[in-house]
């Protein structure tokens, strides 16, 4: 199973339109079109899962840079999600923003 990132999609793209781009190259297991949670509109990228690695490689080679709807697609193998990295909201950031304010004495 190979996961493929498809970027720079037209915002009117649908799961079926993305699937139809990849089906000529082999069996498409799943298409995950990333959408905006408020509007439901495409955010311009998707992930496509193909079961055969060689078919996926052919699709990547054939579709990367292809103009679809006036936009050059960015197609490559998806990188795995990184674990961690972001702040986990475990309290105020170091160096301030909380607790009583300290009164400073003038320096003269």
PDB file of N, CA and C in Angstrom:
ATOM      1  N   UNK A   1       0.859  -1.180   0.000  1.00  0.00           N
ATOM      2  CA  UNK A   1       0.000   0.000   0.000  1.00  0.00           C
ATOM      3  C   UNK A   1       0.899   1.234   0.000  1.00  0.00           C
ATOM      4  N   UNK A   2       0.660   2.145  -0.935  1.00  0.00           N
ATOM      5  CA  UNK A   2       1.433   3.379  -1.009  1.00  0.00           C
ATOM      6  C   UNK A   2       0.478   4.562  -0.910  1.00  0.00           C
ATOM      7  N   UNK A   3       0.837   5.529  -0.060  1.00  0.00           N
ATOM      8  CA  UNK A   3       0.039   6.728   0.142  1.00  0.00           C
ATOM      9  C   UNK A   3       0.670   7.860  -0.668  1.00  0.00           C
ATOM     10  N   UNK A   4      -0.143   8.531  -1.483  1.00  0.00           N
ATOM     11  CA  UNK A   4       0.339   9.561  -2.390  1.00  0.00           C
ATOM     12  C   UNK A   4      -0.285  10.901  -2.015  1.00  0.00           C
ATOM     13  N   UNK A   5       0.556  11.920  -1.940  1.00  0.00           N
ATOM     14  CA  UNK A   5       0.096  13.287  -1.701  1.00  0.00           C
ATOM     15  C   UNK A   5      -0.168  13.946  -3.048  1.00  0.00           C
ATOM     16  N   UNK A   6      -1.315  14.613  -3.172  1.00  0.00           N
ATOM     17  CA  UNK A   6      -1.663  15.350  -4.387  1.00  0.00           C
ATOM     18  C   UNK A   6      -1.948  16.789  -3.977  1.00  0.00           C
ATOM     19  N   UNK A   7      -1.087  17.698  -4.371  1.00  0.00           N
ATOM     20  CA  UNK A   7      -1.237  19.090  -3.997  1.00  0.00           C
ATOM     21  C   UNK A   7      -1.519  19.982  -5.183  1.00  0.00           C
ATOM     22  N   UNK A   8      -1.917  21.206  -4.886  1.00  0.00           N
ATOM     23  CA  UNK A   8      -2.248  22.240  -5.864  1.00  0.00           C
ATOM     24  C   UNK A   8      -3.468  21.863  -6.704  1.00  0.00           C
ATOM     25  N   UNK A   9      -4.407  21.177  -6.061  1.00  0.00           N
ATOM     26  CA  UNK A   9      -5.663  20.847  -6.736  1.00  0.00           C
ATOM     27  C   UNK A   9      -6.555  22.076  -6.825  1.00  0.00           C
ATOM     28  N   UNK A  10      -7.391  22.086  -7.843  1.00  0.00           N
ATOM     29  CA  UNK A  10      -8.410  23.116  -7.965  1.00  0.00           C
ATOM     30  C   UNK A  10      -9.359  22.970  -6.777  1.00  0.00           C
ATOM     31  N   UNK A  11      -9.841  24.083  -6.239  1.00  0.00           N
ATOM     32  CA  UNK A  11     -10.705  24.036  -5.062  1.00  0.00           C
ATOM     33  C   UNK A  11     -12.070  23.421  -5.349  1.00  0.00           C
ATOM     34  N   UNK A  12     -12.408  23.251  -6.612  1.00  0.00           N
ATOM     35  CA  UNK A  12     -13.672  22.598  -6.956  1.00  0.00           C
ATOM     36  C   UNK A  12     -13.502  21.094  -7.155  1.00  0.00           C
ATOM     37  N   UNK A  13     -12.302  20.564  -6.884  1.00  0.00           N
ATOM     38  CA  UNK A  13     -12.041  19.127  -7.049  1.00  0.00           C
ATOM     39  C   UNK A  13     -12.918  18.306  -6.106  1.00  0.00           C
ATOM     40  N   UNK A  14     -13.281  17.101  -6.562  1.00  0.00           N
ATOM     41  CA  UNK A  14     -14.061  16.173  -5.754  1.00  0.00           C
ATOM     42  C   UNK A  14     -13.282  14.867  -5.624  1.00  0.00           C
ATOM     43  N   UNK A  15     -13.721  14.010  -4.704  1.00  0.00           N
ATOM     44  CA  UNK A  15     -13.059  12.713  -4.551  1.00  0.00           C
ATOM     45  C   UNK A  15     -13.127  11.917  -5.842  1.00  0.00           C
ATOM     46  N   UNK A  16     -14.272  11.963  -6.520  1.00  0.00           N
ATOM     47  CA  UNK A  16     -14.402  11.195  -7.762  1.00  0.00           C
ATOM     48  C   UNK A  16     -13.509  11.764  -8.867  1.00  0.00           C
ATOM     49  N   UNK A  17     -13.323  13.081  -8.931  1.00  0.00           N
ATOM     50  CA  UNK A  17     -12.448  13.636  -9.963  1.00  0.00           C
ATOM     51  C   UNK A  17     -10.986  13.268  -9.698  1.00  0.00           C
ATOM     52  N   UNK A  18     -10.582  13.237  -8.429  1.00  0.00           N
ATOM     53  CA  UNK A  18      -9.213  12.840  -8.087  1.00  0.00           C
ATOM     54  C   UNK A  18      -9.027  11.349  -8.380  1.00  0.00           C
ATOM     55  N   UNK A  19     -10.030  10.544  -8.030  1.00  0.00           N
ATOM     56  CA  UNK A  19      -9.965   9.107  -8.306  1.00  0.00           C
ATOM     57  C   UNK A  19      -9.817   8.847  -9.805  1.00  0.00           C
ATOM     58  N   UNK A  20     -10.554   9.604 -10.619  1.00  0.00           N
ATOM     59  CA  UNK A  20     -10.502   9.391 -12.067  1.00  0.00           C
ATOM     60  C   UNK A  20      -9.132   9.761 -12.649  1.00  0.00           C
ATOM     61  N   UNK A  21      -8.384  10.646 -11.982  1.00  0.00           N
ATOM     62  CA  UNK A  21      -7.027  10.950 -12.434  1.00  0.00           C
ATOM     63  C   UNK A  21      -6.086   9.762 -12.253  1.00  0.00           C
ATOM     64  N   UNK A  22      -6.281   9.016 -11.157  1.00  0.00           N
ATOM     65  CA  UNK A  22      -5.351   7.949 -10.794  1.00  0.00           C
ATOM     66  C   UNK A  22      -5.748   6.569 -11.319  1.00  0.00           C
ATOM     67  N   UNK A  23      -7.019   6.328 -11.584  1.00  0.00           N
ATOM     68  CA  UNK A  23      -7.463   4.995 -12.005  1.00  0.00           C
ATOM     69  C   UNK A  23      -6.808   4.470 -13.282  1.00  0.00           C
ATOM     70  N   UNK A  24      -6.446   5.306 -14.252  1.00  0.00           N
ATOM     71  CA  UNK A  24      -5.768   4.754 -15.430  1.00  0.00           C
ATOM     72  C   UNK A  24      -4.422   4.087 -15.118  1.00  0.00           C
ATOM     73  N   UNK A  25      -3.863   4.367 -13.948  1.00  0.00           N
ATOM     74  CA  UNK A  25      -2.549   3.825 -13.582  1.00  0.00           C
ATOM     75  C   UNK A  25      -2.630   2.607 -12.683  1.00  0.00           C
ATOM     76  N   UNK A  26      -3.819   2.268 -12.188  1.00  0.00           N
ATOM     77  CA  UNK A  26      -3.963   1.095 -11.342  1.00  0.00           C
ATOM     78  C   UNK A  26      -5.135   1.228 -10.381  1.00  0.00           C
ATOM     79  N   UNK A  27      -5.200   0.280  -9.476  1.00  0.00           N
ATOM     80  CA  UNK A  27      -6.304   0.198  -8.526  1.00  0.00           C
ATOM     81  C   UNK A  27      -6.142   1.233  -7.410  1.00  0.00           C
ATOM     82  N   UNK A  28      -7.164   2.070  -7.253  1.00  0.00           N
ATOM     83  CA  UNK A  28      -7.171   3.090  -6.200  1.00  0.00           C
ATOM     84  C   UNK A  28      -7.992   2.553  -5.034  1.00  0.00           C
ATOM     85  N   UNK A  29      -7.353   2.414  -3.891  1.00  0.00           N
ATOM     86  CA  UNK A  29      -8.040   1.888  -2.703  1.00  0.00           C
ATOM     87  C   UNK A  29      -8.884   2.951  -2.015  1.00  0.00           C
ATOM     88  N   UNK A  30      -8.302   4.161  -1.883  1.00  0.00           N
ATOM     89  CA  UNK A  30      -8.990   5.199  -1.127  1.00  0.00           C
ATOM     90  C   UNK A  30      -8.531   6.566  -1.580  1.00  0.00           C
ATOM     91  N   UNK A  31      -9.445   7.533  -1.560  1.00  0.00           N
ATOM     92  CA  UNK A  31      -9.128   8.934  -1.833  1.00  0.00           C
ATOM     93  C   UNK A  31      -9.628   9.743  -0.641  1.00  0.00           C
ATOM     94  N   UNK A  32      -8.740  10.539  -0.073  1.00  0.00           N
ATOM     95  CA  UNK A  32      -9.112  11.411   1.040  1.00  0.00           C
ATOM     96  C   UNK A  32      -8.874  12.849   0.605  1.00  0.00           C
ATOM     97  N   UNK A  33      -9.937  13.511   0.174  1.00  0.00           N
ATOM     98  CA  UNK A  33      -9.862  14.912  -0.232  1.00  0.00           C
ATOM     99  C   UNK A  33     -10.010  15.753   1.030  1.00  0.00           C
ATOM    100  N   UNK A  34      -9.020  16.545   1.339  1.00  0.00           N
ATOM    101  CA  UNK A  34      -9.035  17.346   2.560  1.00  0.00           C
ATOM    102  C   UNK A  34      -9.902  18.581   2.321  1.00  0.00           C
ATOM    103  N   UNK A  35     -10.888  18.767   3.209  1.00  0.00           N
ATOM    104  CA  UNK A  35     -11.838  19.861   3.047  1.00  0.00           C
ATOM    105  C   UNK A  35     -11.809  20.785   4.262  1.00  0.00           C
ATOM    106  N   UNK A  36     -12.243  22.001   4.046  1.00  0.00           N
ATOM    107  CA  UNK A  36     -12.359  22.982   5.119  1.00  0.00           C
ATOM    108  C   UNK A  36     -13.544  22.591   5.994  1.00  0.00           C
ATOM    109  N   UNK A  37     -13.353  22.544   7.289  1.00  0.00           N
ATOM    110  CA  UNK A  37     -14.441  22.066   8.159  1.00  0.00           C
ATOM    111  C   UNK A  37     -15.616  23.033   8.228  1.00  0.00           C
ATOM    112  N   UNK A  38     -15.369  24.324   7.985  1.00  0.00           N
ATOM    113  CA  UNK A  38     -16.455  25.303   8.044  1.00  0.00           C
ATOM    114  C   UNK A  38     -17.265  25.370   6.754  1.00  0.00           C
ATOM    115  N   UNK A  39     -16.565  25.370   5.617  1.00  0.00           N
ATOM    116  CA  UNK A  39     -17.265  25.540   4.339  1.00  0.00           C
ATOM    117  C   UNK A  39     -17.516  24.223   3.615  1.00  0.00           C
ATOM    118  N   UNK A  40     -16.744  23.177   3.944  1.00  0.00           N
ATOM    119  CA  UNK A  40     -16.875  21.903   3.246  1.00  0.00           C
ATOM    120  C   UNK A  40     -16.188  21.899   1.893  1.00  0.00           C
ATOM    121  N   UNK A  41     -15.554  23.001   1.533  1.00  0.00           N
ATOM    122  CA  UNK A  41     -14.877  23.125   0.245  1.00  0.00           C
ATOM    123  C   UNK A  41     -13.475  22.518   0.320  1.00  0.00           C
ATOM    124  N   UNK A  42     -12.996  22.012  -0.805  1.00  0.00           N
ATOM    125  CA  UNK A  42     -11.660  21.426  -0.874  1.00  0.00           C
ATOM    126  C   UNK A  42     -10.617  22.445  -0.447  1.00  0.00           C
ATOM    127  N   UNK A  43      -9.582  21.970   0.247  1.00  0.00           N
ATOM    128  CA  UNK A  43      -8.484  22.857   0.657  1.00  0.00           C
ATOM    129  C   UNK A  43      -7.345  22.824  -0.355  1.00  0.00           C
ATOM    130  N   UNK A  44      -7.526  22.072  -1.449  1.00  0.00           N
ATOM    131  CA  UNK A  44      -6.535  22.080  -2.516  1.00  0.00           C
ATOM    132  C   UNK A  44      -5.542  20.944  -2.470  1.00  0.00           C
ATOM    133  N   UNK A  45      -5.765  19.970  -1.584  1.00  0.00           N
ATOM    134  CA  UNK A  45      -4.889  18.797  -1.595  1.00  0.00           C
ATOM    135  C   UNK A  45      -5.644  17.559  -1.157  1.00  0.00           C
ATOM    136  N   UNK A  46      -5.060  16.401  -1.498  1.00  0.00           N
ATOM    137  CA  UNK A  46      -5.703  15.121  -1.210  1.00  0.00           C
ATOM    138  C   UNK A  46      -4.634  14.062  -0.995  1.00  0.00           C
ATOM    139  N   UNK A  47      -5.075  12.921  -0.464  1.00  0.00           N
ATOM    140  CA  UNK A  47      -4.222  11.757  -0.330  1.00  0.00           C
ATOM    141  C   UNK A  47      -4.892  10.602  -1.047  1.00  0.00           C
ATOM    142  N   UNK A  48      -4.111   9.883  -1.845  1.00  0.00           N
ATOM    143  CA  UNK A  48      -4.619   8.750  -2.613  1.00  0.00           C
ATOM    144  C   UNK A  48      -3.836   7.522  -2.186  1.00  0.00           C
ATOM    145  N   UNK A  49      -4.553   6.433  -1.855  1.00  0.00           N
ATOM    146  CA  UNK A  49      -3.897   5.180  -1.501  1.00  0.00           C
ATOM    147  C   UNK A  49      -4.061   4.193  -2.646  1.00  0.00           C
ATOM    148  N   UNK A  50      -2.927   3.644  -3.088  1.00  0.00           N
ATOM    149  CA  UNK A  50      -2.933   2.623  -4.130  1.00  0.00           C
ATOM    150  C   UNK A  50      -2.269   1.380  -3.566  1.00  0.00           C
ATOM    151  N   UNK A  51      -2.854   0.208  -3.861  1.00  0.00           N
ATOM    152  CA  UNK A  51      -2.360  -1.027  -3.259  1.00  0.00           C
ATOM    153  C   UNK A  51      -1.055  -1.512  -3.882  1.00  0.00           C
ATOM    154  N   UNK A  52      -0.853  -1.297  -5.164  1.00  0.00           N
ATOM    155  CA  UNK A  52       0.348  -1.766  -5.847  1.00  0.00           C
ATOM    156  C   UNK A  52       1.372  -0.636  -5.910  1.00  0.00           C
ATOM    157  N   UNK A  53       2.536  -0.877  -5.329  1.00  0.00           N
ATOM    158  CA  UNK A  53       3.570   0.148  -5.234  1.00  0.00           C
ATOM    159  C   UNK A  53       4.083   0.585  -6.611  1.00  0.00           C
ATOM    160  N   UNK A  54       4.236  -0.348  -7.533  1.00  0.00           N
ATOM    161  CA  UNK A  54       4.744   0.018  -8.858  1.00  0.00           C
ATOM    162  C   UNK A  54       3.713   0.846  -9.628  1.00  0.00           C
ATOM    163  N   UNK A  55       2.430   0.532  -9.464  1.00  0.00           N
ATOM    164  CA  UNK A  55       1.376   1.338 -10.091  1.00  0.00           C
ATOM    165  C   UNK A  55       1.375   2.747  -9.512  1.00  0.00           C
ATOM    166  N   UNK A  56       1.556   2.843  -8.213  1.00  0.00           N
ATOM    167  CA  UNK A  56       1.598   4.148  -7.552  1.00  0.00           C
ATOM    168  C   UNK A  56       2.776   4.972  -8.060  1.00  0.00           C
ATOM    169  N   UNK A  57       3.933   4.335  -8.212  1.00  0.00           N
ATOM    170  CA  UNK A  57       5.106   5.041  -8.723  1.00  0.00           C
ATOM    171  C   UNK A  57       4.869   5.550 -10.144  1.00  0.00           C
ATOM    172  N   UNK A  58       4.207   4.737 -10.976  1.00  0.00           N
ATOM    173  CA  UNK A  58       3.886   5.174 -12.337  1.00  0.00           C
ATOM    174  C   UNK A  58       2.948   6.375 -12.317  1.00  0.00           C
ATOM    175  N   UNK A  59       1.940   6.350 -11.437  1.00  0.00           N
ATOM    176  CA  UNK A  59       0.992   7.463 -11.326  1.00  0.00           C
ATOM    177  C   UNK A  59       1.701   8.735 -10.879  1.00  0.00           C
ATOM    178  N   UNK A  60       2.603   8.613  -9.920  1.00  0.00           N
ATOM    179  CA  UNK A  60       3.356   9.772  -9.430  1.00  0.00           C
ATOM    180  C   UNK A  60       4.169  10.377 -10.563  1.00  0.00           C
ATOM    181  N   UNK A  61       4.885   9.530 -11.291  1.00  0.00           N
ATOM    182  CA  UNK A  61       5.717   9.998 -12.404  1.00  0.00           C
ATOM    183  C   UNK A  61       4.884  10.655 -13.494  1.00  0.00           C
ATOM    184  N   UNK A  62       3.753  10.042 -13.812  1.00  0.00           N
ATOM    185  CA  UNK A  62       2.919  10.541 -14.908  1.00  0.00           C
ATOM    186  C   UNK A  62       2.158  11.814 -14.550  1.00  0.00           C
ATOM    187  N   UNK A  63       1.727  11.961 -13.301  1.00  0.00           N
ATOM    188  CA  UNK A  63       0.840  13.068 -12.942  1.00  0.00           C
ATOM    189  C   UNK A  63       1.539  14.281 -12.322  1.00  0.00           C
ATOM    190  N   UNK A  64       2.747  14.108 -11.838  1.00  0.00           N
ATOM    191  CA  UNK A  64       3.442  15.235 -11.213  1.00  0.00           C
ATOM    192  C   UNK A  64       3.715  16.316 -12.252  1.00  0.00           C
ATOM    193  N   UNK A  65       3.239  17.526 -12.007  1.00  0.00           N
ATOM    194  CA  UNK A  65       3.444  18.649 -12.916  1.00  0.00           C
ATOM    195  C   UNK A  65       2.396  18.795 -14.000  1.00  0.00           C
ATOM    196  N   UNK A  66       1.464  17.832 -14.091  1.00  0.00           N
ATOM    197  CA  UNK A  66       0.421  17.886 -15.112  1.00  0.00           C
ATOM    198  C   UNK A  66      -0.561  19.008 -14.793  1.00  0.00           C
ATOM    199  N   UNK A  67      -0.967  19.748 -15.821  1.00  0.00           N
ATOM    200  CA  UNK A  67      -1.906  20.850 -15.661  1.00  0.00           C
ATOM    201  C   UNK A  67      -3.330  20.302 -15.604  1.00  0.00           C
ATOM    202  N   UNK A  68      -4.015  20.532 -14.494  1.00  0.00           N
ATOM    203  CA  UNK A  68      -5.417  20.127 -14.334  1.00  0.00           C
ATOM    204  C   UNK A  68      -6.188  21.349 -13.854  1.00  0.00           C
ATOM    205  N   UNK A  69      -7.105  21.816 -14.669  1.00  0.00           N
ATOM    206  CA  UNK A  69      -7.896  22.983 -14.302  1.00  0.00           C
ATOM    207  C   UNK A  69      -7.072  24.245 -14.165  1.00  0.00           C
ATOM    208  N   UNK A  70      -6.009  24.352 -14.958  1.00  0.00           N
ATOM    209  CA  UNK A  70      -5.164  25.548 -14.900  1.00  0.00           C
ATOM    210  C   UNK A  70      -4.143  25.544 -13.788  1.00  0.00           C
ATOM    211  N   UNK A  71      -3.978  24.406 -13.109  1.00  0.00           N
ATOM    212  CA  UNK A  71      -3.020  24.315 -11.999  1.00  0.00           C
ATOM    213  C   UNK A  71      -2.116  23.109 -12.204  1.00  0.00           C
ATOM    214  N   UNK A  72      -0.818  23.287 -12.014  1.00  0.00           N
ATOM    215  CA  UNK A  72       0.145  22.189 -12.149  1.00  0.00           C
ATOM    216  C   UNK A  72       0.128  21.370 -10.861  1.00  0.00           C
ATOM    217  N   UNK A  73      -0.235  20.099 -10.974  1.00  0.00           N
ATOM    218  CA  UNK A  73      -0.322  19.238  -9.794  1.00  0.00           C
ATOM    219  C   UNK A  73       1.044  18.972  -9.186  1.00  0.00           C
ATOM    220  N   UNK A  74       1.067  18.852  -7.870  1.00  0.00           N
ATOM    221  CA  UNK A  74       2.252  18.439  -7.126  1.00  0.00           C
ATOM    222  C   UNK A  74       1.932  17.053  -6.581  1.00  0.00           C
ATOM    223  N   UNK A  75       2.526  16.021  -7.178  1.00  0.00           N
ATOM    224  CA  UNK A  75       2.211  14.638  -6.812  1.00  0.00           C
ATOM    225  C   UNK A  75       3.493  13.946  -6.366  1.00  0.00           C
ATOM    226  N   UNK A  76       3.487  13.422  -5.134  1.00  0.00           N
ATOM    227  CA  UNK A  76       4.641  12.664  -4.644  1.00  0.00           C
ATOM    228  C   UNK A  76       4.202  11.724  -3.530  1.00  0.00           C
ATOM    229  N   UNK A  77       5.120  10.868  -3.124  1.00  0.00           N
ATOM    230  CA  UNK A  77       4.797   9.934  -2.043  1.00  0.00           C
ATOM    231  C   UNK A  77       4.614  10.725  -0.756  1.00  0.00           C
ATOM    232  N   UNK A  78       3.520  10.426  -0.055  1.00  0.00           N
ATOM    233  CA  UNK A  78       3.217  11.140   1.186  1.00  0.00           C
ATOM    234  C   UNK A  78       4.208  10.753   2.266  1.00  0.00           C
ATOM    235  N   UNK A  79       4.637  11.743   3.026  1.00  0.00           N
ATOM    236  CA  UNK A  79       5.508  11.474   4.175  1.00  0.00           C
ATOM    237  C   UNK A  79       4.630  11.115   5.359  1.00  0.00           C
ATOM    238  N   UNK A  80       5.091  10.217   6.215  1.00  0.00           N
ATOM    239  CA  UNK A  80       4.288   9.874   7.390  1.00  0.00           C
ATOM    240  C   UNK A  80       4.139  11.077   8.317  1.00  0.00           C
ATOM    241  N   UNK A  81       3.036  11.086   9.060  1.00  0.00           N
ATOM    242  CA  UNK A  81       2.807  12.167  10.016  1.00  0.00           C
ATOM    243  C   UNK A  81       3.918  12.156  11.048  1.00  0.00           C
ATOM    244  N   UNK A  82       4.400  13.347  11.378  1.00  0.00           N
ATOM    245  CA  UNK A  82       5.429  13.418  12.411  1.00  0.00           C
ATOM    246  C   UNK A  82       4.747  13.350  13.765  1.00  0.00           C
ATOM    247  N   UNK A  83       5.394  12.689  14.696  1.00  0.00           N
ATOM    248  CA  UNK A  83       4.817  12.611  16.041  1.00  0.00           C
ATOM    249  C   UNK A  83       5.367  13.758  16.866  1.00  0.00           C
ATOM    250  N   UNK A  84       4.480  14.409  17.579  1.00  0.00           N
ATOM    251  CA  UNK A  84       4.896  15.507  18.442  1.00  0.00           C
ATOM    252  C   UNK A  84       5.137  16.765  17.648  1.00  0.00           C
ATOM    253  N   UNK A  85       6.043  17.573  18.120  1.00  0.00           N
ATOM    254  CA  UNK A  85       6.408  18.784  17.412  1.00  0.00           C
ATOM    255  C   UNK A  85       5.696  20.012  17.934  1.00  0.00           C
ATOM    256  N   UNK A  86       4.396  19.989  17.995  1.00  0.00           N
ATOM    257  CA  UNK A  86       3.640  21.171  18.403  1.00  0.00           C
ATOM    258  C   UNK A  86       3.470  21.263  19.904  1.00  0.00           C
ATOM    259  N   UNK A  87       3.091  22.430  20.360  1.00  0.00           N
ATOM    260  CA  UNK A  87       2.845  22.641  21.786  1.00  0.00           C
ATOM    261  C   UNK A  87       1.568  21.930  22.187  1.00  0.00           C
ATOM    262  N   UNK A  88       1.549  21.328  23.338  1.00  0.00           N
ATOM    263  CA  UNK A  88       0.418  20.512  23.774  1.00  0.00           C
ATOM    264  C   UNK A  88      -0.488  21.213  24.780  1.00  0.00           C
ATOM    265  N   UNK A  89      -0.435  22.522  24.896  1.00  0.00           N
ATOM    266  CA  UNK A  89      -1.307  23.303  25.778  1.00  0.00           C
ATOM    267  C   UNK A  89      -1.317  22.782  27.207  1.00  0.00           C
ATOM    268  N   UNK A  90      -0.133  22.587  27.764  1.00  0.00           N
ATOM    269  CA  UNK A  90      -0.021  22.071  29.117  1.00  0.00           C
ATOM    270  C   UNK A  90       0.172  23.191  30.133  1.00  0.00           C
ATOM    271  N   UNK A  91      -0.100  24.397  29.750  1.00  0.00           N
ATOM    272  CA  UNK A  91       0.058  25.516  30.665  1.00  0.00           C
ATOM    273  C   UNK A  91       0.610  26.707  29.918  1.00  0.00           C
ATOM    274  N   UNK A  92       0.854  27.768  30.639  1.00  0.00           N
ATOM    275  CA  UNK A  92       1.362  28.967  29.966  1.00  0.00           C
ATOM    276  C   UNK A  92       2.776  28.741  29.450  1.00  0.00           C
ATOM    277  N   UNK A  93       3.150  29.438  28.389  1.00  0.00           N
ATOM    278  CA  UNK A  93       4.507  29.292  27.880  1.00  0.00           C
ATOM    279  C   UNK A  93       5.512  29.795  28.898  1.00  0.00           C
ATOM    280  N   UNK A  94       6.704  29.252  28.837  1.00  0.00           N
ATOM    281  CA  UNK A  94       7.730  29.685  29.777  1.00  0.00           C
ATOM    282  C   UNK A  94       8.053  31.147  29.561  1.00  0.00           C
ATOM    283  N   UNK A  95       8.248  31.839  30.650  1.00  0.00           N
ATOM    284  CA  UNK A  95       8.675  33.223  30.549  1.00  0.00           C
ATOM    285  C   UNK A  95       7.573  34.241  30.788  1.00  0.00           C
ATOM    286  N   UNK A  96       6.427  33.834  31.298  1.00  0.00           N
ATOM    287  CA  UNK A  96       5.457  34.872  31.607  1.00  0.00           C
ATOM    288  C   UNK A  96       4.025  34.457  31.415  1.00  0.00           C
ATOM    289  N   UNK A  97       3.160  35.348  31.142  1.00  0.00           N
ATOM    290  CA  UNK A  97       1.730  35.153  30.879  1.00  0.00           C
ATOM    291  C   UNK A  97       0.996  34.414  31.980  1.00  0.00           C
ATOM    292  N   UNK A  98       1.152  34.720  33.147  1.00  0.00           N
ATOM    293  CA  UNK A  98       0.405  34.035  34.181  1.00  0.00           C
ATOM    294  C   UNK A  98       0.960  34.367  35.546  1.00  0.00           C
ATOM    295  N   UNK A  99       0.157  34.185  36.498  1.00  0.00           N
ATOM    296  CA  UNK A  99       0.602  34.462  37.851  1.00  0.00           C
ATOM    297  C   UNK A  99       0.503  35.947  38.154  1.00  0.00           C
ATOM    298  N   UNK A 100       0.761  36.297  39.396  1.00  0.00           N
ATOM    299  CA  UNK A 100       0.648  37.700  39.787  1.00  0.00           C
ATOM    300  C   UNK A 100       1.744  38.540  39.130  1.00  0.00           C
ATOM    301  N   UNK A 101       1.414  39.769  38.882  1.00  0.00           N
ATOM    302  CA  UNK A 101       2.360  40.674  38.248  1.00  0.00           C
ATOM    303  C   UNK A 101       3.336  41.190  39.293  1.00  0.00           C
ATOM    304  N   UNK A 102       4.604  41.167  38.974  1.00  0.00           N
ATOM    305  CA  UNK A 102       5.641  41.628  39.900  1.00  0.00           C
ATOM    306  C   UNK A 102       5.785  43.146  39.800  1.00  0.00           C
ATOM    307  N   UNK A 103       5.817  43.787  40.962  1.00  0.00           N
ATOM    308  CA  UNK A 103       6.026  45.237  40.976  1.00  0.00           C
ATOM    309  C   UNK A 103       7.522  45.494  40.968  1.00  0.00           C
ATOM    310  N   UNK A 104       7.972  46.371  40.067  1.00  0.00           N
ATOM    311  CA  UNK A 104       9.405  46.654  39.957  1.00  0.00           C
ATOM    312  C   UNK A 104       9.729  47.987  40.607  1.00  0.00           C
ATOM    313  N   UNK A 105      10.824  48.027  41.283  1.00  0.00           N
ATOM    314  CA  UNK A 105      11.313  49.242  41.888  1.00  0.00           C
ATOM    315  C   UNK A 105      12.019  50.082  40.835  1.00  0.00           C
ATOM    316  N   UNK A 106      11.865  51.399  40.890  1.00  0.00           N
ATOM    317  CA  UNK A 106      12.568  52.254  39.920  1.00  0.00           C
ATOM    318  C   UNK A 106      14.079  52.186  40.143  1.00  0.00           C
ATOM    319  N   UNK A 107      14.840  52.353  39.058  1.00  0.00           N
ATOM    320  CA  UNK A 107      16.304  52.294  39.139  1.00  0.00           C
ATOM    321  C   UNK A 107      16.882  53.685  38.952  1.00  0.00           C
ATOM    322  N   UNK A 108      16.957  54.496  39.974  1.00  0.00           N
ATOM    323  CA  UNK A 108      17.649  55.760  39.846  1.00  0.00           C
ATOM    324  C   UNK A 108      18.559  56.026  40.938  1.00  0.00           C
TER     325      UNK A 108
END
